[in-house]
């Protein structure tokens, strides 16, 4: 997996990471656009407001045998970093296998069509985060050293999203 250097701890290691994979799994398709993902999760609105520092309402409706319920992604900036890594995996490898992201999942290859414009949107947000990670709401939950490491990783992912 191309993103294996980053995936699994600070990136890809949270409940929001698993919820994001749940969202991708329930798409029940092998191809999706980044634009659709951003819209479905509510990132399109949050990014248009240009402020991920204080969270915001992002999430999706989850289908289950008992109906539909809302899944909220608690830390928007963390979920966006996870999503950026997943988009990078799809961009570099041609697809992302959900099993590689979470070994409890069945193999499921998903291609994410991410235009240069949308990848640049992600890159810009990751660069903003990497310049001042301690200004984000996530810093209240994560030690400062881990926030700085996450910022370095986010910058590396942004650099790769060309």
N, C-alpha and C. Protein backbone atom coordinates (compact mmCIF):
# COMPACT_ATOMS: atom_id res chain seq x y z
N UNK A 1 0.86 -1.16 0.00
CA UNK A 1 0.00 0.00 0.00
C UNK A 1 0.91 1.23 0.00
N UNK A 2 0.64 2.15 -0.91
CA UNK A 2 1.48 3.33 -1.08
C UNK A 2 1.54 4.17 0.19
N UNK A 3 0.42 4.29 0.91
CA UNK A 3 0.34 5.16 2.09
C UNK A 3 0.70 4.45 3.39
N UNK A 4 1.26 3.27 3.30
CA UNK A 4 1.54 2.48 4.52
C UNK A 4 2.47 3.21 5.49
N UNK A 5 3.32 4.13 5.01
CA UNK A 5 4.19 4.90 5.91
C UNK A 5 3.38 5.75 6.88
N UNK A 6 2.20 6.18 6.46
CA UNK A 6 1.40 7.09 7.28
C UNK A 6 0.20 6.41 7.93
N UNK A 7 -0.35 5.41 7.27
CA UNK A 7 -1.64 4.85 7.70
C UNK A 7 -1.48 3.93 8.90
N UNK A 8 -2.33 4.12 9.92
CA UNK A 8 -2.41 3.16 10.99
C UNK A 8 -2.31 3.72 12.39
N UNK A 9 -1.75 4.90 12.59
CA UNK A 9 -1.65 5.43 13.94
C UNK A 9 -2.29 6.81 13.98
N UNK A 10 -1.51 7.85 13.76
CA UNK A 10 -2.06 9.20 13.78
C UNK A 10 -2.99 9.44 12.61
N UNK A 11 -2.71 8.78 11.51
CA UNK A 11 -3.58 8.85 10.34
C UNK A 11 -4.16 7.45 10.15
N UNK A 12 -5.47 7.37 10.12
CA UNK A 12 -6.11 6.07 9.91
C UNK A 12 -6.30 5.25 11.17
N UNK A 13 -6.05 5.82 12.33
CA UNK A 13 -6.14 5.05 13.55
C UNK A 13 -7.22 5.49 14.52
N UNK A 14 -8.18 6.26 14.04
CA UNK A 14 -9.22 6.77 14.94
C UNK A 14 -10.59 6.18 14.62
N UNK A 15 -11.55 6.46 15.50
CA UNK A 15 -12.93 6.06 15.24
C UNK A 15 -13.46 6.74 13.98
N UNK A 16 -13.05 8.00 13.78
CA UNK A 16 -13.46 8.70 12.56
C UNK A 16 -12.90 8.02 11.32
N UNK A 17 -11.68 7.48 11.43
CA UNK A 17 -11.08 6.75 10.30
C UNK A 17 -11.95 5.55 9.93
N UNK A 18 -12.36 4.80 10.95
CA UNK A 18 -13.21 3.63 10.70
C UNK A 18 -14.57 4.04 10.15
N UNK A 19 -15.11 5.14 10.63
CA UNK A 19 -16.39 5.63 10.11
C UNK A 19 -16.24 6.05 8.65
N UNK A 20 -15.13 6.65 8.31
CA UNK A 20 -14.88 7.04 6.92
C UNK A 20 -14.82 5.79 6.03
N UNK A 21 -14.19 4.75 6.51
CA UNK A 21 -14.14 3.49 5.75
C UNK A 21 -15.54 2.88 5.65
N UNK A 22 -16.34 2.99 6.73
CA UNK A 22 -17.73 2.54 6.67
C UNK A 22 -18.47 3.25 5.54
N UNK A 23 -18.27 4.56 5.46
CA UNK A 23 -18.92 5.34 4.40
C UNK A 23 -18.51 4.81 3.02
N UNK A 24 -17.21 4.63 2.81
CA UNK A 24 -16.72 4.15 1.51
C UNK A 24 -17.26 2.76 1.20
N UNK A 25 -17.35 1.92 2.21
CA UNK A 25 -17.84 0.56 2.02
C UNK A 25 -19.31 0.54 1.62
N UNK A 26 -20.10 1.41 2.19
CA UNK A 26 -21.53 1.40 1.89
C UNK A 26 -21.87 2.03 0.55
N UNK A 27 -20.89 2.63 -0.13
CA UNK A 27 -21.15 3.21 -1.44
C UNK A 27 -21.60 2.16 -2.45
N UNK A 28 -21.15 0.92 -2.23
CA UNK A 28 -21.57 -0.19 -3.07
C UNK A 28 -21.29 0.08 -4.55
N UNK A 29 -20.09 0.60 -4.81
CA UNK A 29 -19.64 0.88 -6.17
C UNK A 29 -18.13 0.69 -6.21
N UNK A 30 -17.59 0.62 -7.40
CA UNK A 30 -16.13 0.48 -7.51
C UNK A 30 -15.47 1.79 -7.92
N UNK A 31 -16.28 2.81 -8.20
CA UNK A 31 -15.73 4.10 -8.61
C UNK A 31 -16.61 5.22 -8.06
N UNK A 32 -15.95 6.26 -7.55
CA UNK A 32 -16.65 7.41 -7.01
C UNK A 32 -15.77 8.64 -7.24
N UNK A 33 -16.39 9.80 -7.30
CA UNK A 33 -15.59 11.01 -7.46
C UNK A 33 -15.32 11.62 -6.08
N UNK A 34 -14.20 12.28 -5.97
CA UNK A 34 -13.87 12.99 -4.74
C UNK A 34 -14.91 14.07 -4.49
N UNK A 35 -15.38 14.69 -5.53
CA UNK A 35 -16.41 15.71 -5.39
C UNK A 35 -17.65 15.14 -4.69
N UNK A 36 -18.06 13.93 -5.08
CA UNK A 36 -19.23 13.30 -4.46
C UNK A 36 -18.97 12.98 -2.99
N UNK A 37 -17.77 12.49 -2.69
CA UNK A 37 -17.41 12.18 -1.30
C UNK A 37 -17.47 13.45 -0.45
N UNK A 38 -16.87 14.53 -0.95
CA UNK A 38 -16.86 15.79 -0.20
C UNK A 38 -18.28 16.27 0.05
N UNK A 39 -19.14 16.13 -0.95
CA UNK A 39 -20.54 16.55 -0.83
C UNK A 39 -21.29 15.65 0.16
N UNK A 40 -21.15 14.34 0.01
CA UNK A 40 -21.85 13.40 0.88
C UNK A 40 -21.50 13.60 2.35
N UNK A 41 -20.24 13.87 2.62
CA UNK A 41 -19.77 14.01 4.00
C UNK A 41 -19.97 15.41 4.58
N UNK A 42 -20.26 16.37 3.72
CA UNK A 42 -20.44 17.74 4.18
C UNK A 42 -19.17 18.57 4.17
N UNK A 43 -18.10 18.01 3.63
CA UNK A 43 -16.86 18.77 3.55
C UNK A 43 -16.96 19.91 2.54
N UNK A 44 -17.81 19.77 1.53
CA UNK A 44 -17.93 20.84 0.54
C UNK A 44 -18.33 22.15 1.20
N UNK A 45 -19.28 22.09 2.12
CA UNK A 45 -19.72 23.29 2.84
C UNK A 45 -18.63 23.77 3.79
N UNK A 46 -18.07 22.85 4.55
CA UNK A 46 -17.04 23.21 5.52
C UNK A 46 -15.82 23.83 4.84
N UNK A 47 -15.40 23.26 3.72
CA UNK A 47 -14.24 23.80 3.01
C UNK A 47 -14.56 25.14 2.34
N UNK A 48 -15.80 25.35 1.93
CA UNK A 48 -16.16 26.63 1.34
C UNK A 48 -16.11 27.74 2.39
N UNK A 49 -16.30 27.37 3.65
CA UNK A 49 -16.19 28.33 4.75
C UNK A 49 -14.73 28.54 5.14
N UNK A 50 -13.84 27.69 4.61
CA UNK A 50 -12.38 27.81 4.78
C UNK A 50 -11.92 27.78 6.23
N UNK A 51 -12.58 26.97 7.06
CA UNK A 51 -12.10 26.88 8.43
C UNK A 51 -12.39 25.50 9.02
N UNK A 52 -11.38 24.67 9.03
CA UNK A 52 -11.50 23.35 9.67
C UNK A 52 -11.01 23.37 11.11
N UNK A 53 -10.50 24.49 11.56
CA UNK A 53 -9.90 24.56 12.90
C UNK A 53 -10.87 24.19 14.00
N UNK A 54 -12.10 24.64 13.88
CA UNK A 54 -13.07 24.44 14.95
C UNK A 54 -14.07 23.35 14.63
N UNK A 55 -13.65 22.40 13.83
CA UNK A 55 -14.52 21.27 13.54
C UNK A 55 -15.56 21.61 12.50
N UNK A 56 -16.80 21.44 12.85
CA UNK A 56 -17.87 21.64 11.89
C UNK A 56 -18.64 20.35 11.78
N UNK A 57 -19.77 20.42 11.15
CA UNK A 57 -20.63 19.26 11.04
C UNK A 57 -20.33 18.48 9.78
N UNK A 58 -19.68 17.34 9.95
CA UNK A 58 -19.45 16.44 8.83
C UNK A 58 -19.88 15.04 9.25
N UNK A 59 -20.38 14.32 8.29
CA UNK A 59 -20.84 12.96 8.58
C UNK A 59 -21.66 12.44 7.42
N UNK A 60 -22.35 11.34 7.66
CA UNK A 60 -23.12 10.71 6.59
C UNK A 60 -24.22 9.86 7.21
N UNK A 61 -25.18 9.50 6.37
CA UNK A 61 -26.26 8.61 6.79
C UNK A 61 -25.83 7.18 6.54
N UNK A 62 -25.90 6.35 7.58
CA UNK A 62 -25.49 4.95 7.51
C UNK A 62 -26.74 4.08 7.41
N UNK A 63 -26.72 3.19 6.44
CA UNK A 63 -27.84 2.27 6.26
C UNK A 63 -27.58 1.01 7.08
N UNK A 64 -28.60 0.54 7.77
CA UNK A 64 -28.49 -0.71 8.52
C UNK A 64 -29.81 -1.47 8.40
N UNK A 65 -29.83 -2.65 8.95
CA UNK A 65 -31.05 -3.47 8.92
C UNK A 65 -32.19 -2.78 9.68
N UNK A 66 -31.85 -1.93 10.63
CA UNK A 66 -32.85 -1.23 11.45
C UNK A 66 -33.22 0.14 10.89
N UNK A 67 -32.71 0.49 9.72
CA UNK A 67 -33.03 1.78 9.13
C UNK A 67 -31.79 2.58 8.83
N UNK A 68 -31.95 3.89 8.86
CA UNK A 68 -30.86 4.80 8.54
C UNK A 68 -30.57 5.64 9.79
N UNK A 69 -29.29 5.79 10.12
CA UNK A 69 -28.92 6.66 11.22
C UNK A 69 -27.71 7.50 10.84
N UNK A 70 -27.54 8.60 11.51
CA UNK A 70 -26.49 9.56 11.19
C UNK A 70 -25.19 9.21 11.92
N UNK A 71 -24.10 9.19 11.16
CA UNK A 71 -22.77 9.00 11.72
C UNK A 71 -22.05 10.35 11.61
N UNK A 72 -21.64 10.89 12.72
CA UNK A 72 -20.90 12.15 12.73
C UNK A 72 -19.41 11.85 12.81
N UNK A 73 -18.63 12.58 12.03
CA UNK A 73 -17.18 12.53 12.12
C UNK A 73 -16.79 13.65 13.09
N UNK A 74 -16.28 13.27 14.24
CA UNK A 74 -16.09 14.22 15.34
C UNK A 74 -15.02 15.27 15.10
N UNK A 75 -13.93 14.89 14.49
CA UNK A 75 -12.81 15.80 14.27
C UNK A 75 -12.62 16.00 12.78
N UNK A 76 -13.16 17.07 12.26
CA UNK A 76 -13.17 17.30 10.81
C UNK A 76 -11.77 17.32 10.21
N UNK A 77 -10.83 17.98 10.87
CA UNK A 77 -9.48 18.07 10.28
C UNK A 77 -8.83 16.70 10.22
N UNK A 78 -9.03 15.87 11.24
CA UNK A 78 -8.48 14.51 11.22
C UNK A 78 -9.10 13.66 10.13
N UNK A 79 -10.42 13.78 9.98
CA UNK A 79 -11.11 13.02 8.93
C UNK A 79 -10.66 13.47 7.55
N UNK A 80 -10.40 14.77 7.38
CA UNK A 80 -9.93 15.25 6.08
C UNK A 80 -8.52 14.75 5.79
N UNK A 81 -7.68 14.67 6.80
CA UNK A 81 -6.33 14.13 6.60
C UNK A 81 -6.42 12.66 6.20
N UNK A 82 -7.28 11.90 6.89
CA UNK A 82 -7.49 10.49 6.53
C UNK A 82 -7.98 10.37 5.08
N UNK A 83 -8.98 11.18 4.74
CA UNK A 83 -9.53 11.14 3.38
C UNK A 83 -8.45 11.49 2.36
N UNK A 84 -7.62 12.46 2.67
CA UNK A 84 -6.54 12.84 1.75
C UNK A 84 -5.58 11.69 1.52
N UNK A 85 -5.25 10.95 2.59
CA UNK A 85 -4.37 9.79 2.45
C UNK A 85 -5.03 8.73 1.57
N UNK A 86 -6.32 8.51 1.75
CA UNK A 86 -7.05 7.53 0.94
C UNK A 86 -7.08 7.95 -0.52
N UNK A 87 -7.31 9.24 -0.77
CA UNK A 87 -7.30 9.75 -2.13
C UNK A 87 -5.91 9.58 -2.74
N UNK A 88 -4.87 9.84 -1.95
CA UNK A 88 -3.50 9.65 -2.44
C UNK A 88 -3.27 8.20 -2.82
N UNK A 89 -3.73 7.26 -2.00
CA UNK A 89 -3.58 5.84 -2.31
C UNK A 89 -4.24 5.52 -3.65
N UNK A 90 -5.45 5.99 -3.85
CA UNK A 90 -6.15 5.73 -5.10
C UNK A 90 -5.43 6.39 -6.27
N UNK A 91 -4.93 7.59 -6.05
CA UNK A 91 -4.24 8.33 -7.12
C UNK A 91 -2.95 7.63 -7.54
N UNK A 92 -2.18 7.16 -6.57
CA UNK A 92 -0.88 6.56 -6.87
C UNK A 92 -1.00 5.09 -7.30
N UNK A 93 -1.91 4.33 -6.68
CA UNK A 93 -2.02 2.90 -6.96
C UNK A 93 -3.09 2.57 -7.99
N UNK A 94 -3.96 3.52 -8.28
CA UNK A 94 -5.05 3.28 -9.21
C UNK A 94 -6.33 2.88 -8.52
N UNK A 95 -6.25 2.57 -7.24
CA UNK A 95 -7.42 2.19 -6.44
C UNK A 95 -6.99 2.15 -4.97
N UNK A 96 -7.97 2.04 -4.10
CA UNK A 96 -7.71 1.79 -2.69
C UNK A 96 -8.50 0.54 -2.32
N UNK A 97 -7.86 -0.38 -1.64
CA UNK A 97 -8.54 -1.59 -1.17
C UNK A 97 -8.92 -1.36 0.29
N UNK A 98 -10.21 -1.40 0.58
CA UNK A 98 -10.68 -1.12 1.94
C UNK A 98 -10.11 -2.11 2.95
N UNK A 99 -9.79 -3.31 2.51
CA UNK A 99 -9.15 -4.31 3.39
C UNK A 99 -7.76 -3.84 3.82
N UNK A 100 -7.05 -3.14 2.95
CA UNK A 100 -5.73 -2.61 3.31
C UNK A 100 -5.84 -1.52 4.37
N UNK A 101 -6.96 -0.78 4.35
CA UNK A 101 -7.16 0.29 5.33
C UNK A 101 -7.61 -0.25 6.68
N UNK A 102 -8.35 -1.36 6.65
CA UNK A 102 -8.87 -1.99 7.87
C UNK A 102 -8.97 -3.49 7.59
N UNK A 103 -8.08 -4.25 8.20
CA UNK A 103 -8.01 -5.69 7.91
C UNK A 103 -9.27 -6.45 8.26
N UNK A 104 -10.17 -5.86 9.03
CA UNK A 104 -11.42 -6.52 9.37
C UNK A 104 -12.42 -6.48 8.20
N UNK A 105 -12.10 -5.71 7.16
CA UNK A 105 -12.99 -5.58 6.00
C UNK A 105 -12.67 -6.65 4.96
N UNK A 106 -13.67 -6.93 4.16
CA UNK A 106 -13.46 -7.80 3.00
C UNK A 106 -12.71 -7.00 1.94
N UNK A 107 -11.91 -7.66 1.12
CA UNK A 107 -11.27 -6.93 0.03
C UNK A 107 -12.32 -6.23 -0.83
N UNK A 108 -12.06 -4.97 -1.11
CA UNK A 108 -12.99 -4.17 -1.91
C UNK A 108 -12.19 -3.04 -2.53
N UNK A 109 -11.95 -3.15 -3.83
CA UNK A 109 -11.16 -2.14 -4.52
C UNK A 109 -12.08 -1.00 -4.98
N UNK A 110 -11.67 0.21 -4.63
CA UNK A 110 -12.45 1.39 -4.95
C UNK A 110 -11.54 2.41 -5.63
N UNK A 111 -11.99 2.91 -6.77
CA UNK A 111 -11.26 3.95 -7.48
C UNK A 111 -11.91 5.29 -7.15
N UNK A 112 -11.09 6.25 -6.71
CA UNK A 112 -11.59 7.59 -6.41
C UNK A 112 -11.07 8.53 -7.49
N UNK A 113 -11.98 9.04 -8.29
CA UNK A 113 -11.63 9.98 -9.35
C UNK A 113 -11.53 11.36 -8.72
N UNK A 114 -10.29 11.85 -8.61
CA UNK A 114 -10.05 13.13 -7.97
C UNK A 114 -9.41 14.09 -8.98
N UNK A 115 -10.16 15.08 -9.36
CA UNK A 115 -9.64 16.06 -10.31
C UNK A 115 -8.48 16.83 -9.68
N UNK A 116 -7.67 17.43 -10.52
CA UNK A 116 -6.54 18.22 -10.01
C UNK A 116 -7.05 19.35 -9.12
N UNK A 117 -8.17 19.95 -9.50
CA UNK A 117 -8.76 21.04 -8.70
C UNK A 117 -9.11 20.55 -7.29
N UNK A 118 -9.74 19.39 -7.19
CA UNK A 118 -10.14 18.87 -5.88
C UNK A 118 -8.93 18.40 -5.08
N UNK A 119 -7.94 17.81 -5.75
CA UNK A 119 -6.71 17.43 -5.04
C UNK A 119 -6.01 18.67 -4.49
N UNK A 120 -6.03 19.76 -5.27
CA UNK A 120 -5.44 21.01 -4.80
C UNK A 120 -6.18 21.57 -3.60
N UNK A 121 -7.48 21.39 -3.58
CA UNK A 121 -8.28 21.81 -2.43
C UNK A 121 -7.81 21.06 -1.17
N UNK A 122 -7.64 19.75 -1.30
CA UNK A 122 -7.13 18.96 -0.17
C UNK A 122 -5.73 19.41 0.21
N UNK A 123 -4.87 19.59 -0.79
CA UNK A 123 -3.49 20.00 -0.53
C UNK A 123 -3.45 21.31 0.25
N UNK A 124 -4.24 22.29 -0.18
CA UNK A 124 -4.25 23.58 0.50
C UNK A 124 -4.67 23.46 1.96
N UNK A 125 -5.67 22.63 2.22
CA UNK A 125 -6.12 22.43 3.61
C UNK A 125 -5.05 21.72 4.44
N UNK A 126 -4.38 20.75 3.85
CA UNK A 126 -3.31 20.05 4.57
C UNK A 126 -2.14 20.99 4.85
N UNK A 127 -1.81 21.85 3.90
CA UNK A 127 -0.74 22.83 4.13
C UNK A 127 -1.12 23.80 5.25
N UNK A 128 -2.37 24.27 5.26
CA UNK A 128 -2.83 25.15 6.35
C UNK A 128 -2.65 24.45 7.70
N UNK A 129 -3.08 23.20 7.76
CA UNK A 129 -2.96 22.43 9.00
C UNK A 129 -1.49 22.29 9.39
N UNK A 130 -0.64 21.97 8.44
CA UNK A 130 0.77 21.70 8.75
C UNK A 130 1.50 22.95 9.25
N UNK A 131 1.03 24.13 8.87
CA UNK A 131 1.68 25.36 9.33
C UNK A 131 1.36 25.69 10.78
N UNK A 132 0.18 25.30 11.28
CA UNK A 132 -0.20 25.65 12.64
C UNK A 132 -1.13 24.59 13.24
N UNK A 133 -0.64 23.38 13.44
CA UNK A 133 -1.52 22.29 13.89
C UNK A 133 -2.10 22.52 15.29
N UNK A 134 -1.41 23.24 16.13
CA UNK A 134 -1.88 23.43 17.50
C UNK A 134 -3.08 24.39 17.58
N UNK A 135 -3.42 25.04 16.48
CA UNK A 135 -4.57 25.93 16.45
C UNK A 135 -5.88 25.17 16.18
N UNK A 136 -5.79 23.88 15.89
CA UNK A 136 -6.98 23.09 15.55
C UNK A 136 -7.57 22.44 16.80
N UNK A 137 -8.88 22.18 16.75
CA UNK A 137 -9.57 21.59 17.89
C UNK A 137 -8.99 20.23 18.29
N UNK A 138 -8.40 19.54 17.35
CA UNK A 138 -7.79 18.25 17.62
C UNK A 138 -6.68 18.36 18.66
N UNK A 139 -6.03 19.51 18.74
CA UNK A 139 -4.92 19.72 19.67
C UNK A 139 -5.35 19.59 21.13
N UNK A 140 -6.63 19.76 21.40
CA UNK A 140 -7.13 19.59 22.77
C UNK A 140 -7.14 18.12 23.19
N UNK A 141 -7.08 17.22 22.22
CA UNK A 141 -7.16 15.79 22.50
C UNK A 141 -5.86 15.04 22.27
N UNK A 142 -4.93 15.65 21.55
CA UNK A 142 -3.71 14.96 21.12
C UNK A 142 -2.50 15.72 21.66
N UNK A 143 -1.51 15.01 22.21
CA UNK A 143 -0.31 15.69 22.71
C UNK A 143 0.37 16.52 21.62
N UNK A 144 1.00 17.61 22.04
CA UNK A 144 1.62 18.55 21.10
C UNK A 144 2.64 17.88 20.19
N UNK A 145 3.46 16.97 20.72
CA UNK A 145 4.44 16.28 19.87
C UNK A 145 3.76 15.46 18.79
N UNK A 146 2.66 14.79 19.14
CA UNK A 146 1.92 14.02 18.14
C UNK A 146 1.28 14.94 17.11
N UNK A 147 0.81 16.11 17.54
CA UNK A 147 0.23 17.07 16.60
C UNK A 147 1.29 17.55 15.60
N UNK A 148 2.50 17.79 16.09
CA UNK A 148 3.57 18.21 15.18
C UNK A 148 3.93 17.09 14.21
N UNK A 149 3.96 15.85 14.70
CA UNK A 149 4.23 14.72 13.81
C UNK A 149 3.11 14.57 12.78
N UNK A 150 1.87 14.72 13.22
CA UNK A 150 0.73 14.65 12.29
C UNK A 150 0.85 15.75 11.24
N UNK A 151 1.27 16.93 11.65
CA UNK A 151 1.44 18.05 10.72
C UNK A 151 2.51 17.73 9.67
N UNK A 152 3.60 17.13 10.10
CA UNK A 152 4.66 16.74 9.16
C UNK A 152 4.13 15.71 8.15
N UNK A 153 3.39 14.73 8.67
CA UNK A 153 2.82 13.71 7.79
C UNK A 153 1.79 14.31 6.83
N UNK A 154 0.97 15.23 7.33
CA UNK A 154 -0.03 15.88 6.48
C UNK A 154 0.66 16.66 5.36
N UNK A 155 1.77 17.32 5.67
CA UNK A 155 2.51 18.05 4.65
C UNK A 155 3.09 17.10 3.60
N UNK A 156 3.60 15.96 4.05
CA UNK A 156 4.14 14.98 3.09
C UNK A 156 3.04 14.45 2.17
N UNK A 157 1.87 14.17 2.74
CA UNK A 157 0.75 13.71 1.93
C UNK A 157 0.35 14.79 0.93
N UNK A 158 0.29 16.04 1.39
CA UNK A 158 -0.05 17.15 0.50
C UNK A 158 0.95 17.25 -0.66
N UNK A 159 2.23 17.11 -0.34
CA UNK A 159 3.25 17.18 -1.39
C UNK A 159 3.07 16.09 -2.44
N UNK A 160 2.58 14.93 -2.02
CA UNK A 160 2.39 13.78 -2.92
C UNK A 160 1.11 13.88 -3.75
N UNK A 161 0.18 14.72 -3.35
CA UNK A 161 -1.12 14.82 -4.04
C UNK A 161 -1.06 15.61 -5.34
N UNK A 162 0.11 15.86 -5.85
CA UNK A 162 0.26 16.63 -7.10
C UNK A 162 -0.53 16.03 -8.24
